[in-house]
């Protein structure tokens, strides 16, 4: 016999619907539309072009990336491991004869 238990998701949906109902009651006194922007991604830094971001970075006159060159030195490769170790050589199987 199935027992209906409210899930967390169902509770969240019910809370959301209740909040929407409350908001419609106070919308006439406290309109929220004037605080909403047309496009929420309009001035968001994640959605700017690279060119626009670079222009805005240099507007204060300072470079964000230092202009000096950094020399990169490759790490020395490790010498190959010796083959004459316990794991490097094959062992004959001992049948116990």
N, C-alpha and C. Protein backbone atom coordinates (compact mmCIF):
# COMPACT_ATOMS: atom_id res chain seq x y z
N UNK A 1 0.84 -1.17 0.00
CA UNK A 1 0.00 0.00 0.00
C UNK A 1 0.90 1.24 0.00
N UNK A 2 0.84 2.07 -1.04
CA UNK A 2 1.72 3.23 -1.12
C UNK A 2 1.31 4.31 -0.11
N UNK A 3 2.32 4.88 0.48
CA UNK A 3 2.10 5.96 1.43
C UNK A 3 2.68 7.23 0.81
N UNK A 4 1.89 8.27 0.76
CA UNK A 4 2.37 9.51 0.18
C UNK A 4 3.09 10.33 1.23
N UNK A 5 4.38 10.52 0.99
CA UNK A 5 5.16 11.38 1.87
C UNK A 5 5.62 12.57 1.05
N UNK A 6 5.52 13.76 1.59
CA UNK A 6 5.94 14.93 0.81
C UNK A 6 7.45 14.92 0.60
N UNK A 7 7.84 15.05 -0.64
CA UNK A 7 9.27 15.08 -0.95
C UNK A 7 9.79 16.50 -0.78
N UNK A 8 11.08 16.62 -0.73
CA UNK A 8 11.72 17.93 -0.61
C UNK A 8 11.37 18.79 -1.82
N UNK A 9 11.36 18.17 -2.99
CA UNK A 9 11.03 18.90 -4.21
C UNK A 9 9.59 19.42 -4.17
N UNK A 10 8.67 18.59 -3.72
CA UNK A 10 7.26 19.01 -3.63
C UNK A 10 7.11 20.16 -2.63
N UNK A 11 7.87 20.10 -1.54
CA UNK A 11 7.82 21.19 -0.55
C UNK A 11 8.33 22.50 -1.15
N UNK A 12 9.39 22.42 -1.92
CA UNK A 12 9.96 23.62 -2.54
C UNK A 12 8.97 24.21 -3.54
N UNK A 13 8.32 23.37 -4.31
CA UNK A 13 7.32 23.85 -5.27
C UNK A 13 6.17 24.52 -4.54
N UNK A 14 5.70 23.92 -3.47
CA UNK A 14 4.60 24.51 -2.70
C UNK A 14 5.00 25.86 -2.10
N UNK A 15 6.23 25.94 -1.59
CA UNK A 15 6.73 27.21 -1.04
C UNK A 15 6.80 28.28 -2.13
N UNK A 16 7.24 27.88 -3.30
CA UNK A 16 7.35 28.82 -4.42
C UNK A 16 5.97 29.34 -4.82
N UNK A 17 5.01 28.44 -4.93
CA UNK A 17 3.65 28.86 -5.31
C UNK A 17 3.03 29.76 -4.25
N UNK A 18 3.28 29.47 -2.98
CA UNK A 18 2.77 30.31 -1.90
C UNK A 18 3.40 31.70 -1.95
N UNK A 19 4.69 31.76 -2.23
CA UNK A 19 5.38 33.05 -2.34
C UNK A 19 4.86 33.85 -3.52
N UNK A 20 4.61 33.19 -4.65
CA UNK A 20 4.05 33.89 -5.81
C UNK A 20 2.67 34.46 -5.48
N UNK A 21 1.87 33.69 -4.74
CA UNK A 21 0.54 34.17 -4.35
C UNK A 21 0.64 35.40 -3.46
N UNK A 22 1.56 35.37 -2.49
CA UNK A 22 1.75 36.52 -1.60
C UNK A 22 2.25 37.73 -2.38
N UNK A 23 3.13 37.49 -3.33
CA UNK A 23 3.68 38.60 -4.11
C UNK A 23 2.62 39.27 -4.98
N UNK A 24 1.68 38.50 -5.50
CA UNK A 24 0.64 39.12 -6.32
C UNK A 24 -0.26 40.02 -5.49
N UNK A 25 -0.42 39.69 -4.21
CA UNK A 25 -1.24 40.52 -3.33
C UNK A 25 -0.60 41.88 -3.06
N UNK A 26 0.72 41.93 -2.96
CA UNK A 26 1.39 43.20 -2.63
C UNK A 26 1.96 43.91 -3.85
N UNK A 27 1.80 43.33 -5.03
CA UNK A 27 2.37 43.91 -6.26
C UNK A 27 1.82 45.32 -6.52
N UNK A 28 0.57 45.57 -6.22
CA UNK A 28 0.00 46.90 -6.48
C UNK A 28 0.62 47.97 -5.59
N UNK A 29 0.95 47.62 -4.35
CA UNK A 29 1.55 48.58 -3.43
C UNK A 29 3.06 48.70 -3.62
N UNK A 30 3.71 47.59 -3.91
CA UNK A 30 5.17 47.57 -4.04
C UNK A 30 5.56 46.90 -5.36
N UNK A 31 5.47 47.63 -6.47
CA UNK A 31 5.81 47.01 -7.76
C UNK A 31 7.30 46.70 -7.86
N UNK A 32 7.61 45.53 -8.36
CA UNK A 32 9.00 45.10 -8.46
C UNK A 32 9.56 45.28 -9.87
N UNK A 33 8.69 45.51 -10.85
CA UNK A 33 9.14 45.60 -12.23
C UNK A 33 10.17 46.69 -12.47
N UNK A 34 10.10 47.77 -11.74
CA UNK A 34 11.06 48.85 -11.97
C UNK A 34 12.47 48.46 -11.53
N UNK A 35 12.61 47.43 -10.73
CA UNK A 35 13.93 46.98 -10.28
C UNK A 35 14.52 45.90 -11.18
N UNK A 36 13.71 45.35 -12.03
CA UNK A 36 14.19 44.31 -12.94
C UNK A 36 14.81 44.97 -14.16
N UNK A 37 15.91 44.39 -14.63
CA UNK A 37 16.50 44.90 -15.86
C UNK A 37 15.93 44.13 -17.05
N UNK A 38 16.03 44.72 -18.21
CA UNK A 38 15.52 44.07 -19.41
C UNK A 38 16.26 42.75 -19.66
N UNK A 39 17.58 42.84 -19.62
CA UNK A 39 18.41 41.67 -19.88
C UNK A 39 19.34 41.47 -18.70
N UNK A 40 19.17 40.42 -17.91
CA UNK A 40 20.03 40.25 -16.73
C UNK A 40 21.49 39.98 -17.09
N UNK A 41 21.76 39.59 -18.34
CA UNK A 41 23.12 39.30 -18.76
C UNK A 41 23.77 40.48 -19.46
N UNK A 42 23.08 41.61 -19.50
CA UNK A 42 23.56 42.76 -20.25
C UNK A 42 24.93 43.23 -19.78
N UNK A 43 25.12 43.43 -18.51
CA UNK A 43 26.38 43.97 -18.02
C UNK A 43 27.09 42.97 -17.11
N UNK A 44 26.80 41.71 -17.25
CA UNK A 44 27.44 40.70 -16.42
C UNK A 44 28.83 40.40 -16.97
N UNK A 45 29.86 40.37 -16.11
CA UNK A 45 31.23 40.19 -16.61
C UNK A 45 31.46 38.85 -17.30
N UNK A 46 30.68 37.85 -17.00
CA UNK A 46 30.89 36.56 -17.65
C UNK A 46 30.41 36.55 -19.10
N UNK A 47 29.57 37.51 -19.47
CA UNK A 47 28.98 37.48 -20.80
C UNK A 47 29.50 38.61 -21.69
N UNK A 48 30.63 39.19 -21.34
CA UNK A 48 31.23 40.23 -22.17
C UNK A 48 32.15 39.58 -23.18
N UNK A 49 32.36 40.28 -24.28
CA UNK A 49 33.32 39.78 -25.24
C UNK A 49 34.72 40.00 -24.68
N UNK A 50 35.67 39.26 -25.18
CA UNK A 50 37.05 39.42 -24.71
C UNK A 50 37.55 40.82 -25.00
N UNK A 51 37.18 41.35 -26.15
CA UNK A 51 37.60 42.70 -26.51
C UNK A 51 37.05 43.73 -25.52
N UNK A 52 35.76 43.62 -25.18
CA UNK A 52 35.16 44.55 -24.23
C UNK A 52 35.80 44.43 -22.85
N UNK A 53 36.09 43.21 -22.43
CA UNK A 53 36.73 43.01 -21.12
C UNK A 53 38.11 43.63 -21.10
N UNK A 54 38.88 43.49 -22.19
CA UNK A 54 40.22 44.09 -22.24
C UNK A 54 40.15 45.61 -22.23
N UNK A 55 39.17 46.18 -22.92
CA UNK A 55 39.01 47.64 -22.92
C UNK A 55 38.71 48.12 -21.51
N UNK A 56 37.81 47.44 -20.82
CA UNK A 56 37.45 47.86 -19.46
C UNK A 56 38.60 47.67 -18.48
N UNK A 57 39.46 46.67 -18.71
CA UNK A 57 40.61 46.46 -17.84
C UNK A 57 41.61 47.60 -17.95
N UNK A 58 41.74 48.18 -19.14
CA UNK A 58 42.75 49.22 -19.34
C UNK A 58 42.19 50.62 -19.19
N UNK A 59 40.93 50.77 -18.81
CA UNK A 59 40.35 52.10 -18.68
C UNK A 59 40.99 52.91 -17.56
N UNK A 60 41.53 52.25 -16.54
CA UNK A 60 42.16 53.00 -15.46
C UNK A 60 43.61 53.36 -15.77
N UNK A 61 44.13 52.93 -16.91
CA UNK A 61 45.48 53.29 -17.33
C UNK A 61 46.56 52.34 -16.85
N UNK A 62 46.20 51.33 -16.11
CA UNK A 62 47.18 50.36 -15.64
C UNK A 62 46.97 49.04 -16.36
N UNK A 63 48.10 48.39 -16.68
CA UNK A 63 48.00 47.09 -17.32
C UNK A 63 47.76 46.03 -16.26
N UNK A 64 46.85 45.14 -16.52
CA UNK A 64 46.56 44.10 -15.54
C UNK A 64 47.58 42.97 -15.62
N UNK A 65 48.21 42.81 -16.79
CA UNK A 65 49.21 41.77 -16.97
C UNK A 65 50.57 42.46 -17.08
N UNK A 66 51.57 42.04 -16.31
CA UNK A 66 52.88 42.69 -16.41
C UNK A 66 53.47 42.48 -17.80
N UNK A 67 54.15 43.51 -18.30
CA UNK A 67 54.69 43.44 -19.66
C UNK A 67 56.05 42.77 -19.72
N UNK A 68 56.68 42.50 -18.57
CA UNK A 68 57.99 41.85 -18.58
C UNK A 68 57.84 40.39 -18.98
N UNK A 69 58.83 39.90 -19.68
CA UNK A 69 58.78 38.52 -20.14
C UNK A 69 59.27 37.59 -19.03
N UNK A 70 58.64 36.48 -18.93
CA UNK A 70 59.02 35.48 -17.95
C UNK A 70 59.62 34.31 -18.70
N UNK A 71 60.84 33.92 -18.30
CA UNK A 71 61.46 32.80 -18.99
C UNK A 71 61.02 31.50 -18.32
N UNK A 72 60.65 30.57 -19.13
CA UNK A 72 60.21 29.28 -18.63
C UNK A 72 61.34 28.27 -18.80
N UNK A 73 61.69 27.60 -17.74
CA UNK A 73 62.76 26.61 -17.78
C UNK A 73 62.11 25.25 -17.63
N UNK A 74 62.44 24.37 -18.57
CA UNK A 74 61.87 23.03 -18.52
C UNK A 74 62.54 22.23 -17.41
N UNK A 75 61.77 21.40 -16.76
CA UNK A 75 62.31 20.56 -15.70
C UNK A 75 63.18 19.47 -16.32
N UNK A 76 64.22 19.09 -15.59
CA UNK A 76 65.10 18.03 -16.07
C UNK A 76 64.34 16.71 -16.04
N UNK A 77 64.43 15.94 -17.13
CA UNK A 77 63.74 14.65 -17.11
C UNK A 77 64.43 13.69 -16.13
N UNK A 78 63.64 12.86 -15.49
CA UNK A 78 64.19 11.89 -14.56
C UNK A 78 64.90 10.78 -15.32
N UNK A 79 66.01 10.31 -14.80
CA UNK A 79 66.69 9.20 -15.49
C UNK A 79 65.82 7.95 -15.45
N UNK A 80 65.91 7.12 -16.47
CA UNK A 80 65.08 5.91 -16.48
C UNK A 80 65.44 5.00 -15.30
N UNK A 81 64.44 4.34 -14.78
CA UNK A 81 64.66 3.44 -13.65
C UNK A 81 65.48 2.24 -14.11
N UNK A 82 66.27 1.70 -13.19
CA UNK A 82 67.09 0.54 -13.55
C UNK A 82 66.18 -0.65 -13.81
N UNK A 83 66.54 -1.39 -14.83
CA UNK A 83 65.74 -2.55 -15.20
C UNK A 83 66.04 -3.76 -14.32
N UNK A 84 67.17 -3.72 -13.61
CA UNK A 84 67.57 -4.88 -12.82
C UNK A 84 67.06 -4.75 -11.39
N UNK A 85 65.78 -4.57 -11.26
CA UNK A 85 65.16 -4.52 -9.94
C UNK A 85 64.22 -5.70 -9.81
N UNK A 86 63.63 -5.84 -8.66
CA UNK A 86 62.72 -6.96 -8.44
C UNK A 86 61.58 -6.97 -9.44
N UNK A 87 61.03 -5.80 -9.75
CA UNK A 87 59.89 -5.73 -10.65
C UNK A 87 60.32 -5.60 -12.11
N UNK A 88 61.58 -5.32 -12.36
CA UNK A 88 62.04 -5.12 -13.73
C UNK A 88 62.45 -6.39 -14.44
N UNK A 89 62.70 -7.46 -13.74
CA UNK A 89 63.12 -8.70 -14.40
C UNK A 89 62.05 -9.77 -14.23
N UNK A 90 61.97 -10.63 -15.20
CA UNK A 90 60.98 -11.70 -15.11
C UNK A 90 61.53 -12.84 -14.27
N UNK A 91 60.65 -13.52 -13.62
CA UNK A 91 61.06 -14.64 -12.79
C UNK A 91 60.41 -15.90 -13.34
N UNK A 92 61.17 -16.99 -13.29
CA UNK A 92 60.61 -18.27 -13.71
C UNK A 92 59.68 -18.78 -12.62
N UNK A 93 58.61 -19.42 -13.05
CA UNK A 93 57.66 -19.95 -12.09
C UNK A 93 58.23 -21.20 -11.44
N UNK A 94 58.11 -21.29 -10.14
CA UNK A 94 58.61 -22.46 -9.40
C UNK A 94 57.44 -23.40 -9.16
N UNK A 95 57.46 -24.54 -9.82
CA UNK A 95 56.39 -25.52 -9.69
C UNK A 95 56.47 -26.30 -8.39
N UNK A 96 57.53 -26.15 -7.64
CA UNK A 96 57.68 -26.85 -6.36
C UNK A 96 58.07 -28.31 -6.51
N UNK A 97 58.73 -28.67 -7.61
CA UNK A 97 59.14 -30.07 -7.82
C UNK A 97 60.29 -30.45 -6.96
